[in-house]
Amino acid sequence: MIEVTELRVGEYKVPVPLGLSELLKDCWVKNRAIPKIVQEYQSITIRRDGQLITILSKKR
């Protein structure tokens, strides 16, 4: 299961909305097709302190 533990916008921490992890799990597991809006972002996944972190940057 995907669990969102932290959100950041630049260097600013943003509170994780209640239910976000469940929303992400349900939308990508069942539909398997990549939503059009996701194609507008570049995704980079890194490992930091034993955790996987995905950084989304909007393509120009």
PDB file of N, CA and C in Angstrom:
ATOM      1  N   MET A   1       0.827  -1.178   0.000  1.00  0.00           N
ATOM      2  CA  MET A   1       0.000   0.000   0.000  1.00  0.00           C
ATOM      3  C   MET A   1       0.875   1.246   0.000  1.00  0.00           C
ATOM      4  N   ILE A   2       0.443   2.255  -0.685  1.00  0.00           N
ATOM      5  CA  ILE A   2       1.121   3.547  -0.701  1.00  0.00           C
ATOM      6  C   ILE A   2       0.701   4.310   0.550  1.00  0.00           C
ATOM      7  N   GLU A   3       1.681   4.842   1.278  1.00  0.00           N
ATOM      8  CA  GLU A   3       1.363   5.668   2.436  1.00  0.00           C
ATOM      9  C   GLU A   3       2.099   6.993   2.296  1.00  0.00           C
ATOM     10  N   VAL A   4       1.364   8.078   2.186  1.00  0.00           N
ATOM     11  CA  VAL A   4       1.949   9.406   2.086  1.00  0.00           C
ATOM     12  C   VAL A   4       2.225   9.886   3.502  1.00  0.00           C
ATOM     13  N   THR A   5       3.500  10.117   3.812  1.00  0.00           N
ATOM     14  CA  THR A   5       3.873  10.521   5.163  1.00  0.00           C
ATOM     15  C   THR A   5       4.290  11.980   5.247  1.00  0.00           C
ATOM     16  N   GLU A   6       4.632  12.580   4.105  1.00  0.00           N
ATOM     17  CA  GLU A   6       5.076  13.970   4.124  1.00  0.00           C
ATOM     18  C   GLU A   6       4.889  14.589   2.751  1.00  0.00           C
ATOM     19  N   LEU A   7       4.485  15.848   2.710  1.00  0.00           N
ATOM     20  CA  LEU A   7       4.381  16.610   1.466  1.00  0.00           C
ATOM     21  C   LEU A   7       5.212  17.867   1.614  1.00  0.00           C
ATOM     22  N   ARG A   8       5.908  18.234   0.539  1.00  0.00           N
ATOM     23  CA  ARG A   8       6.681  19.467   0.529  1.00  0.00           C
ATOM     24  C   ARG A   8       6.438  20.209  -0.765  1.00  0.00           C
ATOM     25  N   VAL A   9       6.359  21.524  -0.661  1.00  0.00           N
ATOM     26  CA  VAL A   9       6.326  22.398  -1.826  1.00  0.00           C
ATOM     27  C   VAL A   9       7.592  23.225  -1.711  1.00  0.00           C
ATOM     28  N   GLY A  10       8.568  22.888  -2.545  1.00  0.00           N
ATOM     29  CA  GLY A  10       9.889  23.490  -2.374  1.00  0.00           C
ATOM     30  C   GLY A  10      10.460  23.019  -1.055  1.00  0.00           C
ATOM     31  N   GLU A  11      10.819  23.944  -0.208  1.00  0.00           N
ATOM     32  CA  GLU A  11      11.349  23.597   1.114  1.00  0.00           C
ATOM     33  C   GLU A  11      10.290  23.658   2.211  1.00  0.00           C
ATOM     34  N   TYR A  12       9.056  23.962   1.852  1.00  0.00           N
ATOM     35  CA  TYR A  12       7.982  24.115   2.841  1.00  0.00           C
ATOM     36  C   TYR A  12       7.208  22.815   3.024  1.00  0.00           C
ATOM     37  N   LYS A  13       7.042  22.404   4.282  1.00  0.00           N
ATOM     38  CA  LYS A  13       6.233  21.230   4.587  1.00  0.00           C
ATOM     39  C   LYS A  13       4.759  21.601   4.493  1.00  0.00           C
ATOM     40  N   VAL A  14       3.981  20.695   3.900  1.00  0.00           N
ATOM     41  CA  VAL A  14       2.540  20.883   3.751  1.00  0.00           C
ATOM     42  C   VAL A  14       1.859  19.720   4.463  1.00  0.00           C
ATOM     43  N   PRO A  15       0.811  19.965   5.254  1.00  0.00           N
ATOM     44  CA  PRO A  15       0.130  18.871   5.948  1.00  0.00           C
ATOM     45  C   PRO A  15      -0.451  17.864   4.941  1.00  0.00           C
ATOM     46  N   VAL A  16      -0.322  16.594   5.256  1.00  0.00           N
ATOM     47  CA  VAL A  16      -0.885  15.539   4.411  1.00  0.00           C
ATOM     48  C   VAL A  16      -2.381  15.461   4.684  1.00  0.00           C
ATOM     49  N   PRO A  17      -3.228  15.667   3.668  1.00  0.00           N
ATOM     50  CA  PRO A  17      -4.675  15.580   3.884  1.00  0.00           C
ATOM     51  C   PRO A  17      -5.092  14.170   4.300  1.00  0.00           C
ATOM     52  N   LEU A  18      -6.015  14.095   5.222  1.00  0.00           N
ATOM     53  CA  LEU A  18      -6.544  12.820   5.692  1.00  0.00           C
ATOM     54  C   LEU A  18      -7.153  12.061   4.514  1.00  0.00           C
ATOM     55  N   GLY A  19      -6.776  10.814   4.332  1.00  0.00           N
ATOM     56  CA  GLY A  19      -7.336   9.984   3.270  1.00  0.00           C
ATOM     57  C   GLY A  19      -6.575  10.041   1.960  1.00  0.00           C
ATOM     58  N   LEU A  20      -5.491  10.828   1.875  1.00  0.00           N
ATOM     59  CA  LEU A  20      -4.742  10.934   0.616  1.00  0.00           C
ATOM     60  C   LEU A  20      -4.123   9.602   0.213  1.00  0.00           C
ATOM     61  N   SER A  21      -3.575   8.873   1.156  1.00  0.00           N
ATOM     62  CA  SER A  21      -2.966   7.576   0.842  1.00  0.00           C
ATOM     63  C   SER A  21      -3.994   6.622   0.229  1.00  0.00           C
ATOM     64  N   GLU A  22      -5.182   6.577   0.803  1.00  0.00           N
ATOM     65  CA  GLU A  22      -6.234   5.696   0.295  1.00  0.00           C
ATOM     66  C   GLU A  22      -6.694   6.138  -1.095  1.00  0.00           C
ATOM     67  N   LEU A  23      -6.781   7.444  -1.315  1.00  0.00           N
ATOM     68  CA  LEU A  23      -7.176   7.964  -2.620  1.00  0.00           C
ATOM     69  C   LEU A  23      -6.174   7.557  -3.689  1.00  0.00           C
ATOM     70  N   LEU A  24      -4.898   7.693  -3.411  1.00  0.00           N
ATOM     71  CA  LEU A  24      -3.868   7.325  -4.389  1.00  0.00           C
ATOM     72  C   LEU A  24      -3.874   5.820  -4.652  1.00  0.00           C
ATOM     73  N   LYS A  25      -4.034   5.044  -3.598  1.00  0.00           N
ATOM     74  CA  LYS A  25      -4.062   3.585  -3.755  1.00  0.00           C
ATOM     75  C   LYS A  25      -5.214   3.170  -4.655  1.00  0.00           C
ATOM     76  N   ASP A  26      -6.380   3.713  -4.417  1.00  0.00           N
ATOM     77  CA  ASP A  26      -7.558   3.322  -5.179  1.00  0.00           C
ATOM     78  C   ASP A  26      -7.512   3.779  -6.636  1.00  0.00           C
ATOM     79  N   CYS A  27      -6.993   4.971  -6.901  1.00  0.00           N
ATOM     80  CA  CYS A  27      -7.057   5.474  -8.275  1.00  0.00           C
ATOM     81  C   CYS A  27      -6.040   4.807  -9.182  1.00  0.00           C
ATOM     82  N   TRP A  28      -4.843   4.464  -8.710  1.00  0.00           N
ATOM     83  CA  TRP A  28      -3.838   3.901  -9.603  1.00  0.00           C
ATOM     84  C   TRP A  28      -3.878   2.383  -9.665  1.00  0.00           C
ATOM     85  N   VAL A  29      -4.311   1.726  -8.618  1.00  0.00           N
ATOM     86  CA  VAL A  29      -4.332   0.271  -8.637  1.00  0.00           C
ATOM     87  C   VAL A  29      -5.448  -0.243  -9.539  1.00  0.00           C
ATOM     88  N   LYS A  30      -6.621   0.383  -9.473  1.00  0.00           N
ATOM     89  CA  LYS A  30      -7.760  -0.114 -10.240  1.00  0.00           C
ATOM     90  C   LYS A  30      -7.726   0.309 -11.705  1.00  0.00           C
ATOM     91  N   ASN A  31      -7.258   1.515 -12.001  1.00  0.00           N
ATOM     92  CA  ASN A  31      -7.347   2.025 -13.362  1.00  0.00           C
ATOM     93  C   ASN A  31      -6.148   1.691 -14.243  1.00  0.00           C
ATOM     94  N   ARG A  32      -5.019   1.443 -13.700  1.00  0.00           N
ATOM     95  CA  ARG A  32      -3.796   1.074 -14.408  1.00  0.00           C
ATOM     96  C   ARG A  32      -3.388   2.045 -15.519  1.00  0.00           C
ATOM     97  N   ALA A  33      -4.292   2.792 -16.095  1.00  0.00           N
ATOM     98  CA  ALA A  33      -3.950   3.785 -17.108  1.00  0.00           C
ATOM     99  C   ALA A  33      -3.443   5.042 -16.393  1.00  0.00           C
ATOM    100  N   ILE A  34      -2.422   5.650 -16.971  1.00  0.00           N
ATOM    101  CA  ILE A  34      -1.864   6.850 -16.363  1.00  0.00           C
ATOM    102  C   ILE A  34      -2.770   8.035 -16.691  1.00  0.00           C
ATOM    103  N   PRO A  35      -3.289   8.719 -15.677  1.00  0.00           N
ATOM    104  CA  PRO A  35      -4.146   9.884 -15.931  1.00  0.00           C
ATOM    105  C   PRO A  35      -3.395  10.952 -16.726  1.00  0.00           C
ATOM    106  N   LYS A  36      -4.116  11.680 -17.556  1.00  0.00           N
ATOM    107  CA  LYS A  36      -3.496  12.680 -18.423  1.00  0.00           C
ATOM    108  C   LYS A  36      -2.717  13.725 -17.624  1.00  0.00           C
ATOM    109  N   ILE A  37      -3.248  14.128 -16.485  1.00  0.00           N
ATOM    110  CA  ILE A  37      -2.559  15.158 -15.696  1.00  0.00           C
ATOM    111  C   ILE A  37      -1.208  14.668 -15.183  1.00  0.00           C
ATOM    112  N   VAL A  38      -1.071  13.375 -14.926  1.00  0.00           N
ATOM    113  CA  VAL A  38       0.194  12.826 -14.447  1.00  0.00           C
ATOM    114  C   VAL A  38       1.256  12.926 -15.545  1.00  0.00           C
ATOM    115  N   GLN A  39       0.857  12.862 -16.804  1.00  0.00           N
ATOM    116  CA  GLN A  39       1.796  12.961 -17.917  1.00  0.00           C
ATOM    117  C   GLN A  39       2.394  14.357 -18.032  1.00  0.00           C
ATOM    118  N   GLU A  40       1.807  15.352 -17.373  1.00  0.00           N
ATOM    119  CA  GLU A  40       2.310  16.720 -17.407  1.00  0.00           C
ATOM    120  C   GLU A  40       3.444  16.937 -16.415  1.00  0.00           C
ATOM    121  N   TYR A  41       3.772  15.924 -15.622  1.00  0.00           N
ATOM    122  CA  TYR A  41       4.795  16.057 -14.589  1.00  0.00           C
ATOM    123  C   TYR A  41       5.935  15.077 -14.821  1.00  0.00           C
ATOM    124  N   GLN A  42       7.137  15.500 -14.429  1.00  0.00           N
ATOM    125  CA  GLN A  42       8.299  14.624 -14.445  1.00  0.00           C
ATOM    126  C   GLN A  42       8.418  14.027 -13.047  1.00  0.00           C
ATOM    127  N   SER A  43       8.613  12.747 -12.971  1.00  0.00           N
ATOM    128  CA  SER A  43       8.673  12.060 -11.688  1.00  0.00           C
ATOM    129  C   SER A  43      10.089  11.531 -11.456  1.00  0.00           C
ATOM    130  N   ILE A  44      10.646  11.850 -10.290  1.00  0.00           N
ATOM    131  CA  ILE A  44      11.962  11.341  -9.901  1.00  0.00           C
ATOM    132  C   ILE A  44      11.790  10.674  -8.542  1.00  0.00           C
ATOM    133  N   THR A  45      12.215   9.427  -8.423  1.00  0.00           N
ATOM    134  CA  THR A  45      12.134   8.711  -7.156  1.00  0.00           C
ATOM    135  C   THR A  45      13.546   8.498  -6.624  1.00  0.00           C
ATOM    136  N   ILE A  46      13.761   8.906  -5.367  1.00  0.00           N
ATOM    137  CA  ILE A  46      15.067   8.751  -4.738  1.00  0.00           C
ATOM    138  C   ILE A  46      14.889   8.034  -3.403  1.00  0.00           C
ATOM    139  N   ARG A  47      15.978   7.483  -2.902  1.00  0.00           N
ATOM    140  CA  ARG A  47      15.968   6.856  -1.577  1.00  0.00           C
ATOM    141  C   ARG A  47      16.725   7.784  -0.632  1.00  0.00           C
ATOM    142  N   ARG A  48      16.047   8.192   0.464  1.00  0.00           N
ATOM    143  CA  ARG A  48      16.665   9.068   1.451  1.00  0.00           C
ATOM    144  C   ARG A  48      16.345   8.526   2.836  1.00  0.00           C
ATOM    145  N   ASP A  49      17.364   8.273   3.603  1.00  0.00           N
ATOM    146  CA  ASP A  49      17.205   7.759   4.974  1.00  0.00           C
ATOM    147  C   ASP A  49      16.343   6.500   5.021  1.00  0.00           C
ATOM    148  N   GLY A  50      16.501   5.612   4.043  1.00  0.00           N
ATOM    149  CA  GLY A  50      15.762   4.358   4.030  1.00  0.00           C
ATOM    150  C   GLY A  50      14.338   4.455   3.536  1.00  0.00           C
ATOM    151  N   GLN A  51      13.921   5.642   3.045  1.00  0.00           N
ATOM    152  CA  GLN A  51      12.568   5.817   2.526  1.00  0.00           C
ATOM    153  C   GLN A  51      12.633   6.196   1.058  1.00  0.00           C
ATOM    154  N   LEU A  52      11.632   5.769   0.296  1.00  0.00           N
ATOM    155  CA  LEU A  52      11.525   6.188  -1.097  1.00  0.00           C
ATOM    156  C   LEU A  52      10.743   7.490  -1.151  1.00  0.00           C
ATOM    157  N   ILE A  53      11.292   8.460  -1.884  1.00  0.00           N
ATOM    158  CA  ILE A  53      10.679   9.769  -2.009  1.00  0.00           C
ATOM    159  C   ILE A  53      10.457  10.047  -3.483  1.00  0.00           C
ATOM    160  N   THR A  54       9.244  10.439  -3.860  1.00  0.00           N
ATOM    161  CA  THR A  54       8.938  10.792  -5.251  1.00  0.00           C
ATOM    162  C   THR A  54       8.796  12.300  -5.338  1.00  0.00           C
ATOM    163  N   ILE A  55       9.559  12.880  -6.257  1.00  0.00           N
ATOM    164  CA  ILE A  55       9.514  14.319  -6.487  1.00  0.00           C
ATOM    165  C   ILE A  55       8.830  14.562  -7.830  1.00  0.00           C
ATOM    166  N   LEU A  56       7.737  15.318  -7.819  1.00  0.00           N
ATOM    167  CA  LEU A  56       7.014  15.648  -9.042  1.00  0.00           C
ATOM    168  C   LEU A  56       7.316  17.085  -9.423  1.00  0.00           C
ATOM    169  N   SER A  57       7.740  17.290 -10.679  1.00  0.00           N
ATOM    170  CA  SER A  57       8.011  18.627 -11.191  1.00  0.00           C
ATOM    171  C   SER A  57       7.218  18.804 -12.473  1.00  0.00           C
ATOM    172  N   LYS A  58       6.490  19.911 -12.591  1.00  0.00           N
ATOM    173  CA  LYS A  58       5.682  20.166 -13.769  1.00  0.00           C
ATOM    174  C   LYS A  58       6.602  20.435 -14.964  1.00  0.00           C
ATOM    175  N   LYS A  59       6.325  19.749 -16.076  1.00  0.00           N
ATOM    176  CA  LYS A  59       7.115  19.947 -17.293  1.00  0.00           C
ATOM    177  C   LYS A  59       6.801  21.319 -17.879  1.00  0.00           C
ATOM    178  N   ARG A  60       7.775  21.918 -18.506  1.00  0.00           N
ATOM    179  CA  ARG A  60       7.577  23.230 -19.127  1.00  0.00           C
ATOM    180  C   ARG A  60       7.040  23.086 -20.522  1.00  0.00           C
TER     181      ARG A  60
END
